[in-house]
Amino acid sequence: MAERARALGGTLRTAHTAAGFTVQAELPLGRTA
């Protein structure tokens, strides 16, 4: 149970980080356009 929660937490953290990088990468493009 704890392992599953930890794995889920790691997945959510990874997805959140990836989303953050995506937003940072798109912000300059949106500002330019």
PDB file of N, CA and C in Angstrom:
ATOM      1  N   MET A   1       0.844  -1.202   0.000  1.00  0.00           N
ATOM      2  CA  MET A   1       0.000   0.000   0.000  1.00  0.00           C
ATOM      3  C   MET A   1       0.879   1.252   0.000  1.00  0.00           C
ATOM      4  N   ALA A   2       1.876   1.280   0.881  1.00  0.00           N
ATOM      5  CA  ALA A   2       2.770   2.435   0.955  1.00  0.00           C
ATOM      6  C   ALA A   2       3.580   2.556  -0.335  1.00  0.00           C
ATOM      7  N   GLU A   3       3.981   1.406  -0.876  1.00  0.00           N
ATOM      8  CA  GLU A   3       4.765   1.441  -2.118  1.00  0.00           C
ATOM      9  C   GLU A   3       3.922   2.009  -3.256  1.00  0.00           C
ATOM     10  N   ARG A   4       2.651   1.621  -3.283  1.00  0.00           N
ATOM     11  CA  ARG A   4       1.772   2.112  -4.350  1.00  0.00           C
ATOM     12  C   ARG A   4       1.581   3.625  -4.214  1.00  0.00           C
ATOM     13  N   ALA A   5       1.396   4.087  -2.981  1.00  0.00           N
ATOM     14  CA  ALA A   5       1.210   5.526  -2.750  1.00  0.00           C
ATOM     15  C   ALA A   5       2.466   6.294  -3.147  1.00  0.00           C
ATOM     16  N   ARG A   6       3.622   5.718  -2.808  1.00  0.00           N
ATOM     17  CA  ARG A   6       4.882   6.395  -3.135  1.00  0.00           C
ATOM     18  C   ARG A   6       5.083   6.425  -4.656  1.00  0.00           C
ATOM     19  N   ALA A   7       4.719   5.339  -5.322  1.00  0.00           N
ATOM     20  CA  ALA A   7       4.855   5.289  -6.779  1.00  0.00           C
ATOM     21  C   ALA A   7       3.903   6.295  -7.422  1.00  0.00           C
ATOM     22  N   LEU A   8       2.690   6.383  -6.878  1.00  0.00           N
ATOM     23  CA  LEU A   8       1.714   7.329  -7.415  1.00  0.00           C
ATOM     24  C   LEU A   8       2.207   8.754  -7.195  1.00  0.00           C
ATOM     25  N   GLY A   9       2.755   9.019  -6.014  1.00  0.00           N
ATOM     26  CA  GLY A   9       3.280  10.351  -5.719  1.00  0.00           C
ATOM     27  C   GLY A   9       4.407  10.709  -6.673  1.00  0.00           C
ATOM     28  N   GLY A  10       5.284   9.754  -6.952  1.00  0.00           N
ATOM     29  CA  GLY A  10       6.391  10.018  -7.869  1.00  0.00           C
ATOM     30  C   GLY A  10       5.873  10.294  -9.268  1.00  0.00           C
ATOM     31  N   THR A  11       4.836   9.565  -9.672  1.00  0.00           N
ATOM     32  CA  THR A  11       4.266   9.772 -11.006  1.00  0.00           C
ATOM     33  C   THR A  11       3.636  11.151 -11.102  1.00  0.00           C
ATOM     34  N   LEU A  12       2.901  11.538 -10.055  1.00  0.00           N
ATOM     35  CA  LEU A  12       2.259  12.855 -10.067  1.00  0.00           C
ATOM     36  C   LEU A  12       3.311  13.953 -10.081  1.00  0.00           C
ATOM     37  N   ARG A  13       4.379  13.749  -9.303  1.00  0.00           N
ATOM     38  CA  ARG A  13       5.428  14.767  -9.239  1.00  0.00           C
ATOM     39  C   ARG A  13       6.101  14.898 -10.605  1.00  0.00           C
ATOM     40  N   THR A  14       6.345  13.756 -11.249  1.00  0.00           N
ATOM     41  CA  THR A  14       6.989  13.776 -12.570  1.00  0.00           C
ATOM     42  C   THR A  14       6.085  14.473 -13.583  1.00  0.00           C
ATOM     43  N   ALA A  15       4.799  14.167 -13.535  1.00  0.00           N
ATOM     44  CA  ALA A  15       3.858  14.790 -14.469  1.00  0.00           C
ATOM     45  C   ALA A  15       3.777  16.290 -14.216  1.00  0.00           C
ATOM     46  N   HIS A  16       3.782  16.678 -12.945  1.00  0.00           N
ATOM     47  CA  HIS A  16       3.703  18.104 -12.604  1.00  0.00           C
ATOM     48  C   HIS A  16       4.943  18.832 -13.100  1.00  0.00           C
ATOM     49  N   THR A  17       6.111  18.207 -12.910  1.00  0.00           N
ATOM     50  CA  THR A  17       7.364  18.824 -13.366  1.00  0.00           C
ATOM     51  C   THR A  17       7.359  18.958 -14.885  1.00  0.00           C
ATOM     52  N   ALA A  18       6.918  17.911 -15.572  1.00  0.00           N
ATOM     53  CA  ALA A  18       6.879  17.950 -17.036  1.00  0.00           C
ATOM     54  C   ALA A  18       5.921  19.042 -17.500  1.00  0.00           C
ATOM     55  N   ALA A  19       4.784  19.178 -16.821  1.00  0.00           N
ATOM     56  CA  ALA A  19       3.821  20.218 -17.185  1.00  0.00           C
ATOM     57  C   ALA A  19       4.430  21.591 -16.952  1.00  0.00           C
ATOM     58  N   GLY A  20       5.185  21.739 -15.869  1.00  0.00           N
ATOM     59  CA  GLY A  20       5.833  23.017 -15.570  1.00  0.00           C
ATOM     60  C   GLY A  20       6.830  23.384 -16.654  1.00  0.00           C
ATOM     61  N   PHE A  21       7.614  22.407 -17.091  1.00  0.00           N
ATOM     62  CA  PHE A  21       8.589  22.676 -18.154  1.00  0.00           C
ATOM     63  C   PHE A  21       7.866  23.046 -19.447  1.00  0.00           C
ATOM     64  N   THR A  22       6.752  22.376 -19.712  1.00  0.00           N
ATOM     65  CA  THR A  22       5.997  22.661 -20.932  1.00  0.00           C
ATOM     66  C   THR A  22       5.468  24.087 -20.894  1.00  0.00           C
ATOM     67  N   VAL A  23       4.929  24.500 -19.746  1.00  0.00           N
ATOM     68  CA  VAL A  23       4.392  25.859 -19.614  1.00  0.00           C
ATOM     69  C   VAL A  23       5.513  26.873 -19.775  1.00  0.00           C
ATOM     70  N   GLN A  24       6.659  26.633 -19.148  1.00  0.00           N
ATOM     71  CA  GLN A  24       7.786  27.558 -19.259  1.00  0.00           C
ATOM     72  C   GLN A  24       8.254  27.659 -20.707  1.00  0.00           C
ATOM     73  N   ALA A  25       8.236  26.541 -21.427  1.00  0.00           N
ATOM     74  CA  ALA A  25       8.703  26.533 -22.813  1.00  0.00           C
ATOM     75  C   ALA A  25       7.719  27.277 -23.712  1.00  0.00           C
ATOM     76  N   GLU A  26       6.422  27.230 -23.376  1.00  0.00           N
ATOM     77  CA  GLU A  26       5.412  27.851 -24.229  1.00  0.00           C
ATOM     78  C   GLU A  26       5.198  29.329 -23.913  1.00  0.00           C
ATOM     79  N   LEU A  27       5.551  29.763 -22.714  1.00  0.00           N
ATOM     80  CA  LEU A  27       5.317  31.161 -22.349  1.00  0.00           C
ATOM     81  C   LEU A  27       6.018  32.149 -23.280  1.00  0.00           C
ATOM     82  N   PRO A  28       7.320  31.986 -23.558  1.00  0.00           N
ATOM     83  CA  PRO A  28       7.990  32.923 -24.466  1.00  0.00           C
ATOM     84  C   PRO A  28       7.355  32.921 -25.855  1.00  0.00           C
ATOM     85  N   LEU A  29       6.916  31.764 -26.325  1.00  0.00           N
ATOM     86  CA  LEU A  29       6.289  31.682 -27.642  1.00  0.00           C
ATOM     87  C   LEU A  29       4.986  32.469 -27.642  1.00  0.00           C
ATOM     88  N   GLY A  30       4.215  32.326 -26.563  1.00  0.00           N
ATOM     89  CA  GLY A  30       2.948  33.048 -26.464  1.00  0.00           C
ATOM     90  C   GLY A  30       3.186  34.545 -26.381  1.00  0.00           C
ATOM     91  N   ARG A  31       4.246  34.948 -25.697  1.00  0.00           N
ATOM     92  CA  ARG A  31       4.544  36.371 -25.551  1.00  0.00           C
ATOM     93  C   ARG A  31       4.969  36.960 -26.904  1.00  0.00           C
ATOM     94  N   THR A  32       5.739  36.163 -27.653  1.00  0.00           N
ATOM     95  CA  THR A  32       6.213  36.635 -28.958  1.00  0.00           C
ATOM     96  C   THR A  32       5.043  36.755 -29.928  1.00  0.00           C
ATOM     97  N   ALA A  33       4.134  35.771 -29.885  1.00  0.00           N
ATOM     98  CA  ALA A  33       2.980  35.772 -30.779  1.00  0.00           C
ATOM     99  C   ALA A  33       1.889  36.674 -30.197  1.00  0.00           C
TER     100      ALA A  33
END
